[in-house]
Amino acid sequence: MKYDIIGDIHGCYNEFVELTKKLGYSWENNIPVHPDNRKLVFVGDLTDRGPNSLAVIKVVYELVIKHKKAHYSPGNHCNKLYRYFLGRNVKIQHGLETTVAELESVSGKERSHYQASFKKLYEGSPLYNVLDNGKLVVSHAGIREDMIGKHSNNVKTFVLYGDINGEVLPNGMPVRKDWAKEYKGKALIVYGHTPIKEPRELNNTINIDTGAVFGGKLTAFSYPEHKYTQVQSSMPYIEEKFSFYEEKESRV
C-alpha cells in the first residue's frame, strides 16, 4: 500500500482540498479518491484556529469511518475537542474557540451530527498508526522506539503532546524536549505537532507540520516514494510560531 501523509490541517479546508488535488486525488462524492488506490493518512489536529474545521471533520469522517479509504490518529487538539463533546470541563481557548464558534453558528441538528461524527472518528481510530508491517509509524507528536506497540497513559501523553515533563514556559506552553534527536529505531516515524518552515528529517523521523494555520504551508509526505508535496497557506504568517527548533538549536 502507498500512502500520502498529511500534516496538521487545523481547519485549513481549502488548502487540504488543493493539496489532495495536487497529489492526484479527484473529489468524487465530496471526498478525495486516488485512481491508484493510494491512502491518505492524517497526523491529527484536524480542527481549531483555522476557518473551516467542520468541513475537515466531515471529509475525514467520511474517508476513515464510512469508506475505509484513509487512516487517522488524533492530535492534542482532537483530544480536547473530543473531551468538549463529552461535556468535560475544558477551557475554550488555544484554538478551540474557533471550532466552538463554528458549531454555534449551525443548527442544533447539524451540531449534533458533527458531534456524533467526530466522536465516532475519534473512538474508532488508533492512538497512532503502525503501517507497512511496522516499517512506518504515523503519530501526532512523535513516539519513542520503546513505546511502539504500547498504549499506556504515558504513551498517550507522549503521542498527543510530545516529550513533556510538566515544566511550563513563561507563555504557559509546556516545555518540550526534542525527542527525535535521541531516536534510533528502524521504523520511520512521521509526525507533526511542532510547526516548522520546512519538513525536518532527523534519525529516521520526519516532522511534516509546516504551520499551515500560521501562514506556512500544508505538507504531504508520500510513502514509500519519500516525496513532499506542498501548498501555500492563505492564513496570515506568524513568524514566532515557527521558532521551536531554532531556539533549541541556538542553545546548543
C-alpha atoms as a PDB file:
ATOM      1  CA  MET A   1       0.000   0.000   0.000  1.00  0.00           C
ATOM      2  CA  LYS A   2       1.143   3.531  -0.809  1.00  0.00           C
ATOM      3  CA  TYR A   3       0.324   6.445   1.469  1.00  0.00           C
ATOM      4  CA  ASP A   4       0.097  10.230   1.390  1.00  0.00           C
ATOM      5  CA  ILE A   5       0.539  11.511   4.945  1.00  0.00           C
ATOM      6  CA  ILE A   6      -0.878  14.981   5.592  1.00  0.00           C
ATOM      7  CA  GLY A   7       0.355  17.315   8.318  1.00  0.00           C
ATOM      8  CA  ASP A   8      -1.728  19.312  10.818  1.00  0.00           C
ATOM      9  CA  ILE A   9      -4.687  20.800   8.900  1.00  0.00           C
ATOM     10  CA  HIS A  10      -6.176  22.897  11.749  1.00  0.00           C
ATOM     11  CA  GLY A  11      -9.321  23.816   9.841  1.00  0.00           C
ATOM     12  CA  CYS A  12      -7.488  24.917   6.665  1.00  0.00           C
ATOM     13  CA  TYR A  13     -10.021  23.125   4.467  1.00  0.00           C
ATOM     14  CA  ASN A  14      -9.282  24.941   1.193  1.00  0.00           C
ATOM     15  CA  GLU A  15      -5.581  24.130   1.482  1.00  0.00           C
ATOM     16  CA  PHE A  16      -6.470  20.495   2.203  1.00  0.00           C
ATOM     17  CA  VAL A  17      -8.584  20.277  -0.958  1.00  0.00           C
ATOM     18  CA  GLU A  18      -5.866  21.974  -3.030  1.00  0.00           C
ATOM     19  CA  LEU A  19      -3.181  19.653  -1.655  1.00  0.00           C
ATOM     20  CA  THR A  20      -5.114  16.460  -2.362  1.00  0.00           C
ATOM     21  CA  LYS A  21      -5.832  17.596  -5.926  1.00  0.00           C
ATOM     22  CA  LYS A  22      -2.130  18.332  -6.371  1.00  0.00           C
ATOM     23  CA  LEU A  23      -1.448  14.759  -5.191  1.00  0.00           C
ATOM     24  CA  GLY A  24      -3.727  13.394  -7.910  1.00  0.00           C
ATOM     25  CA  TYR A  25      -6.894  12.780  -5.875  1.00  0.00           C
ATOM     26  CA  SER A  26     -10.232  13.523  -7.523  1.00  0.00           C
ATOM     27  CA  TRP A  27     -13.137  14.699  -5.402  1.00  0.00           C
ATOM     28  CA  GLU A  28     -15.898  12.240  -6.259  1.00  0.00           C
ATOM     29  CA  ASN A  29     -18.925  12.398  -3.941  1.00  0.00           C
ATOM     30  CA  ASN A  30     -17.192  15.193  -1.988  1.00  0.00           C
ATOM     31  CA  ILE A  31     -14.267  13.047  -0.793  1.00  0.00           C
ATOM     32  CA  PRO A  32     -10.748  12.720  -2.251  1.00  0.00           C
ATOM     33  CA  VAL A  33     -10.179   9.408  -4.063  1.00  0.00           C
ATOM     34  CA  HIS A  34      -6.941   8.396  -5.802  1.00  0.00           C
ATOM     35  CA  PRO A  35      -7.050   6.463  -9.116  1.00  0.00           C
ATOM     36  CA  ASP A  36      -4.204   4.215  -7.914  1.00  0.00           C
ATOM     37  CA  ASN A  37      -5.905   3.497  -4.545  1.00  0.00           C
ATOM     38  CA  ARG A  38      -3.331   5.413  -2.517  1.00  0.00           C
ATOM     39  CA  LYS A  39      -4.484   6.062   1.040  1.00  0.00           C
ATOM     40  CA  LEU A  40      -4.426   9.344   2.915  1.00  0.00           C
ATOM     41  CA  VAL A  41      -3.069   9.308   6.478  1.00  0.00           C
ATOM     42  CA  PHE A  42      -3.764  12.196   8.860  1.00  0.00           C
ATOM     43  CA  VAL A  43      -1.353  13.077  11.691  1.00  0.00           C
ATOM     44  CA  GLY A  44      -4.120  14.670  13.774  1.00  0.00           C
ATOM     45  CA  ASP A  45      -5.104  18.217  14.735  1.00  0.00           C
ATOM     46  CA  LEU A  46      -7.786  18.418  12.082  1.00  0.00           C
ATOM     47  CA  THR A  47      -9.504  21.345  13.795  1.00  0.00           C
ATOM     48  CA  ASP A  48      -9.043  24.648  15.687  1.00  0.00           C
ATOM     49  CA  ARG A  49      -7.570  28.025  14.737  1.00  0.00           C
ATOM     50  CA  GLY A  50      -8.384  27.736  11.022  1.00  0.00           C
ATOM     51  CA  PRO A  51     -11.566  28.913   9.262  1.00  0.00           C
ATOM     52  CA  ASN A  52     -13.336  25.653   8.385  1.00  0.00           C
ATOM     53  CA  SER A  53     -12.851  22.901  10.943  1.00  0.00           C
ATOM     54  CA  LEU A  54     -16.307  21.381  10.475  1.00  0.00           C
ATOM     55  CA  ALA A  55     -15.735  20.740   6.769  1.00  0.00           C
ATOM     56  CA  VAL A  56     -12.479  18.951   7.618  1.00  0.00           C
ATOM     57  CA  ILE A  57     -14.252  16.792  10.206  1.00  0.00           C
ATOM     58  CA  LYS A  58     -16.934  15.861   7.662  1.00  0.00           C
ATOM     59  CA  VAL A  59     -14.473  14.740   4.969  1.00  0.00           C
ATOM     60  CA  VAL A  60     -12.123  12.841   7.294  1.00  0.00           C
ATOM     61  CA  TYR A  61     -15.066  11.067   8.968  1.00  0.00           C
ATOM     62  CA  GLU A  62     -16.400  10.003   5.551  1.00  0.00           C
ATOM     63  CA  LEU A  63     -12.965   8.807   4.425  1.00  0.00           C
ATOM     64  CA  VAL A  64     -11.953   6.945   7.579  1.00  0.00           C
ATOM     65  CA  ILE A  65     -15.185   5.619   9.107  1.00  0.00           C
ATOM     66  CA  LYS A  66     -17.673   5.318   6.238  1.00  0.00           C
ATOM     67  CA  HIS A  67     -15.444   4.377   3.303  1.00  0.00           C
ATOM     68  CA  LYS A  68     -12.280   2.975   4.994  1.00  0.00           C
ATOM     69  CA  LYS A  69     -10.143   4.885   2.475  1.00  0.00           C
ATOM     70  CA  ALA A  70      -7.845   6.695   4.944  1.00  0.00           C
ATOM     71  CA  HIS A  71      -6.134   6.419   8.316  1.00  0.00           C
ATOM     72  CA  TYR A  72      -6.323   8.945  11.148  1.00  0.00           C
ATOM     73  CA  SER A  73      -4.955   9.220  14.643  1.00  0.00           C
ATOM     74  CA  PRO A  74      -5.727  12.108  16.991  1.00  0.00           C
ATOM     75  CA  GLY A  75      -3.682  15.118  17.971  1.00  0.00           C
ATOM     76  CA  ASN A  76      -3.917  17.107  21.184  1.00  0.00           C
ATOM     77  CA  HIS A  77      -6.497  19.473  19.658  1.00  0.00           C
ATOM     78  CA  CYS A  78      -8.581  16.465  18.569  1.00  0.00           C
ATOM     79  CA  ASN A  79      -8.402  15.102  22.108  1.00  0.00           C
ATOM     80  CA  LYS A  80      -9.540  18.418  23.552  1.00  0.00           C
ATOM     81  CA  LEU A  81     -12.472  18.686  21.116  1.00  0.00           C
ATOM     82  CA  TYR A  82     -13.460  15.118  21.987  1.00  0.00           C
ATOM     83  CA  ARG A  83     -13.455  15.971  25.692  1.00  0.00           C
ATOM     84  CA  TYR A  84     -15.508  19.101  24.919  1.00  0.00           C
ATOM     85  CA  PHE A  85     -18.080  16.934  23.122  1.00  0.00           C
ATOM     86  CA  LEU A  86     -18.185  14.611  26.134  1.00  0.00           C
ATOM     87  CA  GLY A  87     -19.123  17.613  28.282  1.00  0.00           C
ATOM     88  CA  ARG A  88     -15.858  17.707  30.190  1.00  0.00           C
ATOM     89  CA  ASN A  89     -14.643  20.952  31.742  1.00  0.00           C
ATOM     90  CA  VAL A  90     -12.185  22.146  29.075  1.00  0.00           C
ATOM     91  CA  LYS A  91     -11.023  25.707  28.533  1.00  0.00           C
ATOM     92  CA  ILE A  92     -12.319  27.115  25.258  1.00  0.00           C
ATOM     93  CA  GLN A  93      -9.039  28.716  24.203  1.00  0.00           C
ATOM     94  CA  HIS A  94      -5.809  27.971  22.273  1.00  0.00           C
ATOM     95  CA  GLY A  95      -7.843  27.499  19.096  1.00  0.00           C
ATOM     96  CA  LEU A  96     -10.843  25.538  20.362  1.00  0.00           C
ATOM     97  CA  GLU A  97     -12.844  28.768  20.421  1.00  0.00           C
ATOM     98  CA  THR A  98     -12.854  28.905  16.598  1.00  0.00           C
ATOM     99  CA  THR A  99     -14.312  25.396  16.298  1.00  0.00           C
ATOM    100  CA  VAL A 100     -16.886  26.124  19.023  1.00  0.00           C
ATOM    101  CA  ALA A 101     -17.892  29.322  17.185  1.00  0.00           C
ATOM    102  CA  GLU A 102     -18.467  27.264  14.016  1.00  0.00           C
ATOM    103  CA  LEU A 103     -20.581  24.773  15.955  1.00  0.00           C
ATOM    104  CA  GLU A 104     -22.639  27.575  17.469  1.00  0.00           C
ATOM    105  CA  SER A 105     -23.296  29.036  14.013  1.00  0.00           C
ATOM    106  CA  VAL A 106     -25.109  25.920  12.718  1.00  0.00           C
ATOM    107  CA  SER A 107     -28.451  24.412  13.665  1.00  0.00           C
ATOM    108  CA  GLY A 108     -28.811  22.127  16.653  1.00  0.00           C
ATOM    109  CA  LYS A 109     -29.369  19.175  14.342  1.00  0.00           C
ATOM    110  CA  GLU A 110     -26.159  19.912  12.396  1.00  0.00           C
ATOM    111  CA  ARG A 111     -24.213  20.406  15.604  1.00  0.00           C
ATOM    112  CA  SER A 112     -25.397  17.018  16.871  1.00  0.00           C
ATOM    113  CA  HIS A 113     -24.373  15.445  13.579  1.00  0.00           C
ATOM    114  CA  TYR A 114     -20.835  16.887  13.746  1.00  0.00           C
ATOM    115  CA  GLN A 115     -20.552  15.854  17.400  1.00  0.00           C
ATOM    116  CA  ALA A 116     -21.627  12.272  16.662  1.00  0.00           C
ATOM    117  CA  SER A 117     -19.361  12.042  13.603  1.00  0.00           C
ATOM    118  CA  PHE A 118     -16.291  13.318  15.411  1.00  0.00           C
ATOM    119  CA  LYS A 119     -16.852  11.053  18.412  1.00  0.00           C
ATOM    120  CA  LYS A 120     -17.122   8.029  16.095  1.00  0.00           C
ATOM    121  CA  LEU A 121     -13.971   9.104  14.260  1.00  0.00           C
ATOM    122  CA  TYR A 122     -12.026   9.612  17.487  1.00  0.00           C
ATOM    123  CA  GLU A 123     -13.243   6.442  19.184  1.00  0.00           C
ATOM    124  CA  GLY A 124     -12.793   4.351  16.032  1.00  0.00           C
ATOM    125  CA  SER A 125      -9.185   5.335  15.375  1.00  0.00           C
ATOM    126  CA  PRO A 126      -5.922   4.175  16.966  1.00  0.00           C
ATOM    127  CA  LEU A 127      -3.714   6.352  19.144  1.00  0.00           C
ATOM    128  CA  TYR A 128      -1.094   6.095  16.367  1.00  0.00           C
ATOM    129  CA  ASN A 129      -0.950   4.176  13.098  1.00  0.00           C
ATOM    130  CA  VAL A 130       1.553   1.358  12.501  1.00  0.00           C
ATOM    131  CA  LEU A 131       1.673   0.731   8.739  1.00  0.00           C
ATOM    132  CA  ASP A 132       3.622  -1.294   6.152  1.00  0.00           C
ATOM    133  CA  ASN A 133       4.301  -4.180   8.565  1.00  0.00           C
ATOM    134  CA  GLY A 134       5.786  -1.873  11.154  1.00  0.00           C
ATOM    135  CA  LYS A 135       8.138  -0.012   8.807  1.00  0.00           C
ATOM    136  CA  LEU A 136       6.089   3.197   9.088  1.00  0.00           C
ATOM    137  CA  VAL A 137       4.544   4.776  12.181  1.00  0.00           C
ATOM    138  CA  VAL A 138       2.401   7.909  11.981  1.00  0.00           C
ATOM    139  CA  SER A 139       1.929   9.590  15.342  1.00  0.00           C
ATOM    140  CA  HIS A 140       0.781  13.149  16.083  1.00  0.00           C
ATOM    141  CA  ALA A 141       3.666  14.441  18.215  1.00  0.00           C
ATOM    142  CA  GLY A 142       6.024  11.508  17.616  1.00  0.00           C
ATOM    143  CA  ILE A 143       6.784   8.345  19.560  1.00  0.00           C
ATOM    144  CA  ARG A 144       9.830   6.740  21.150  1.00  0.00           C
ATOM    145  CA  GLU A 145      11.007   3.378  19.851  1.00  0.00           C
ATOM    146  CA  ASP A 146      10.253   1.610  23.144  1.00  0.00           C
ATOM    147  CA  MET A 147       6.670   2.903  23.061  1.00  0.00           C
ATOM    148  CA  ILE A 148       5.688   1.414  19.695  1.00  0.00           C
ATOM    149  CA  GLY A 149       3.034  -1.252  20.287  1.00  0.00           C
ATOM    150  CA  LYS A 150       2.100   0.143  23.716  1.00  0.00           C
ATOM    151  CA  HIS A 151      -0.899   2.274  24.717  1.00  0.00           C
ATOM    152  CA  SER A 152      -0.368   3.301  28.343  1.00  0.00           C
ATOM    153  CA  ASN A 153      -1.211   6.766  29.678  1.00  0.00           C
ATOM    154  CA  ASN A 154       2.462   7.736  29.356  1.00  0.00           C
ATOM    155  CA  VAL A 155       2.439   6.721  25.685  1.00  0.00           C
ATOM    156  CA  LYS A 156      -0.810   8.629  25.122  1.00  0.00           C
ATOM    157  CA  THR A 157       0.656  11.780  26.661  1.00  0.00           C
ATOM    158  CA  PHE A 158       3.794  11.493  24.514  1.00  0.00           C
ATOM    159  CA  VAL A 159       1.846  10.845  21.302  1.00  0.00           C
ATOM    160  CA  LEU A 160      -0.512  13.781  21.884  1.00  0.00           C
ATOM    161  CA  TYR A 161       1.834  16.367  23.406  1.00  0.00           C
ATOM    162  CA  GLY A 162       5.413  15.272  22.720  1.00  0.00           C
ATOM    163  CA  ASP A 163       8.202  14.727  25.233  1.00  0.00           C
ATOM    164  CA  ILE A 164       6.960  16.910  28.088  1.00  0.00           C
ATOM    165  CA  ASN A 165       7.949  16.731  31.746  1.00  0.00           C
ATOM    166  CA  GLY A 166       5.497  19.105  33.441  1.00  0.00           C
ATOM    167  CA  GLU A 167       7.655  22.217  33.115  1.00  0.00           C
ATOM    168  CA  VAL A 168       5.975  25.297  31.660  1.00  0.00           C
ATOM    169  CA  LEU A 169       7.361  28.210  29.648  1.00  0.00           C
ATOM    170  CA  PRO A 170       6.606  31.837  30.649  1.00  0.00           C
ATOM    171  CA  ASN A 171       3.893  31.946  27.928  1.00  0.00           C
ATOM    172  CA  GLY A 172       2.109  28.988  29.542  1.00  0.00           C
ATOM    173  CA  MET A 173       3.123  26.425  26.931  1.00  0.00           C
ATOM    174  CA  PRO A 174       4.692  23.143  28.118  1.00  0.00           C
ATOM    175  CA  VAL A 175       8.440  22.625  27.782  1.00  0.00           C
ATOM    176  CA  ARG A 176       9.044  20.002  25.086  1.00  0.00           C
ATOM    177  CA  LYS A 177      12.228  18.014  24.548  1.00  0.00           C
ATOM    178  CA  ASP A 178      13.457  17.363  21.012  1.00  0.00           C
ATOM    179  CA  TRP A 179      12.827  13.602  21.210  1.00  0.00           C
ATOM    180  CA  ALA A 180      13.827  12.974  17.563  1.00  0.00           C
ATOM    181  CA  LYS A 181      17.486  13.724  18.401  1.00  0.00           C
ATOM    182  CA  GLU A 182      17.574  10.538  20.504  1.00  0.00           C
ATOM    183  CA  TYR A 183      15.564   8.285  18.170  1.00  0.00           C
ATOM    184  CA  LYS A 184      17.437   5.207  16.902  1.00  0.00           C
ATOM    185  CA  GLY A 185      14.582   2.984  15.713  1.00  0.00           C
ATOM    186  CA  LYS A 186      14.192   1.163  12.390  1.00  0.00           C
ATOM    187  CA  ALA A 187      10.598   2.304  11.828  1.00  0.00           C
ATOM    188  CA  LEU A 188      10.186   5.619  10.018  1.00  0.00           C
ATOM    189  CA  ILE A 189       8.247   7.982  12.290  1.00  0.00           C
ATOM    190  CA  VAL A 190       6.188  10.652  10.521  1.00  0.00           C
ATOM    191  CA  TYR A 191       4.638  13.234  12.839  1.00  0.00           C
ATOM    192  CA  GLY A 192       3.509  16.841  13.226  1.00  0.00           C
ATOM    193  CA  HIS A 193       2.531  18.969  16.261  1.00  0.00           C
ATOM    194  CA  THR A 194       5.562  21.296  16.221  1.00  0.00           C
ATOM    195  CA  PRO A 195       5.313  23.921  13.438  1.00  0.00           C
ATOM    196  CA  ILE A 196       8.381  24.266  11.220  1.00  0.00           C
ATOM    197  CA  LYS A 197       9.066  26.148   7.997  1.00  0.00           C
ATOM    198  CA  GLU A 198      10.087  23.056   6.001  1.00  0.00           C
ATOM    199  CA  PRO A 199       9.855  19.307   6.709  1.00  0.00           C
ATOM    200  CA  ARG A 200      12.563  18.183   9.115  1.00  0.00           C
ATOM    201  CA  GLU A 201      14.281  14.821   8.708  1.00  0.00           C
ATOM    202  CA  LEU A 202      16.344  13.512  11.623  1.00  0.00           C
ATOM    203  CA  ASN A 203      17.280   9.960  12.701  1.00  0.00           C
ATOM    204  CA  ASN A 204      14.563   8.248  10.629  1.00  0.00           C
ATOM    205  CA  THR A 205      11.893  10.720  11.777  1.00  0.00           C
ATOM    206  CA  ILE A 206      10.115  13.356   9.697  1.00  0.00           C
ATOM    207  CA  ASN A 207       8.117  16.310  11.020  1.00  0.00           C
ATOM    208  CA  ILE A 208       5.626  17.473   8.367  1.00  0.00           C
ATOM    209  CA  ASP A 209       3.738  20.162  10.336  1.00  0.00           C
ATOM    210  CA  THR A 210       4.757  23.164   8.246  1.00  0.00           C
ATOM    211  CA  GLY A 211       2.368  25.519  10.014  1.00  0.00           C
ATOM    212  CA  ALA A 212      -0.491  25.876   7.538  1.00  0.00           C
ATOM    213  CA  VAL A 213      -2.686  27.616  10.104  1.00  0.00           C
ATOM    214  CA  PHE A 214       0.127  30.083  10.900  1.00  0.00           C
ATOM    215  CA  GLY A 215       0.621  31.142   7.278  1.00  0.00           C
ATOM    216  CA  GLY A 216       3.169  28.461   6.354  1.00  0.00           C
ATOM    217  CA  LYS A 217       2.346  25.509   4.114  1.00  0.00           C
ATOM    218  CA  LEU A 218       0.268  22.367   4.240  1.00  0.00           C
ATOM    219  CA  THR A 219       2.567  19.426   3.527  1.00  0.00           C
ATOM    220  CA  ALA A 220       2.054  15.835   2.416  1.00  0.00           C
ATOM    221  CA  PHE A 221       4.726  13.138   2.587  1.00  0.00           C
ATOM    222  CA  SER A 222       4.294  10.344   0.044  1.00  0.00           C
ATOM    223  CA  TYR A 223       5.435   6.880   1.161  1.00  0.00           C
ATOM    224  CA  PRO A 224       7.362   4.869   0.065  1.00  0.00           C
ATOM    225  CA  GLU A 225       8.447   7.391  -2.593  1.00  0.00           C
ATOM    226  CA  HIS A 226       9.844   9.763   0.053  1.00  0.00           C
ATOM    227  CA  LYS A 227       8.408  12.753  -1.751  1.00  0.00           C
ATOM    228  CA  TYR A 228       6.979  16.020  -0.414  1.00  0.00           C
ATOM    229  CA  THR A 229       4.037  17.927  -1.885  1.00  0.00           C
ATOM    230  CA  GLN A 230       3.057  21.326  -0.502  1.00  0.00           C
ATOM    231  CA  VAL A 231       0.567  24.154  -0.938  1.00  0.00           C
ATOM    232  CA  GLN A 232       0.927  27.666   0.421  1.00  0.00           C
ATOM    233  CA  SER A 233      -1.433  28.710   3.208  1.00  0.00           C
ATOM    234  CA  SER A 234      -3.905  31.566   2.796  1.00  0.00           C
ATOM    235  CA  MET A 235      -3.649  32.382   6.520  1.00  0.00           C
ATOM    236  CA  PRO A 236      -1.644  35.346   7.913  1.00  0.00           C
ATOM    237  CA  TYR A 237       2.015  34.494   8.523  1.00  0.00           C
ATOM    238  CA  ILE A 238       3.092  34.432  12.204  1.00  0.00           C
ATOM    239  CA  GLU A 239       6.890  34.148  12.419  1.00  0.00           C
ATOM    240  CA  GLU A 240       7.127  33.395  16.144  1.00  0.00           C
ATOM    241  CA  LYS A 241       5.094  30.192  15.775  1.00  0.00           C
ATOM    242  CA  PHE A 242       7.990  28.580  13.872  1.00  0.00           C
ATOM    243  CA  SER A 243      10.766  29.155  16.404  1.00  0.00           C
ATOM    244  CA  PHE A 244      10.878  25.889  18.432  1.00  0.00           C
ATOM    245  CA  TYR A 245      13.808  24.133  16.742  1.00  0.00           C
ATOM    246  CA  GLU A 246      15.685  27.373  16.079  1.00  0.00           C
ATOM    247  CA  GLU A 247      15.557  28.227  19.782  1.00  0.00           C
ATOM    248  CA  LYS A 248      16.621  24.718  20.795  1.00  0.00           C
ATOM    249  CA  GLU A 249      19.490  24.613  18.334  1.00  0.00           C
ATOM    250  CA  SER A 250      20.717  28.107  19.233  1.00  0.00           C
ATOM    251  CA  ARG A 251      21.213  26.941  22.823  1.00  0.00           C
ATOM    252  CA  VAL A 252      23.459  24.022  21.828  1.00  0.00           C
END
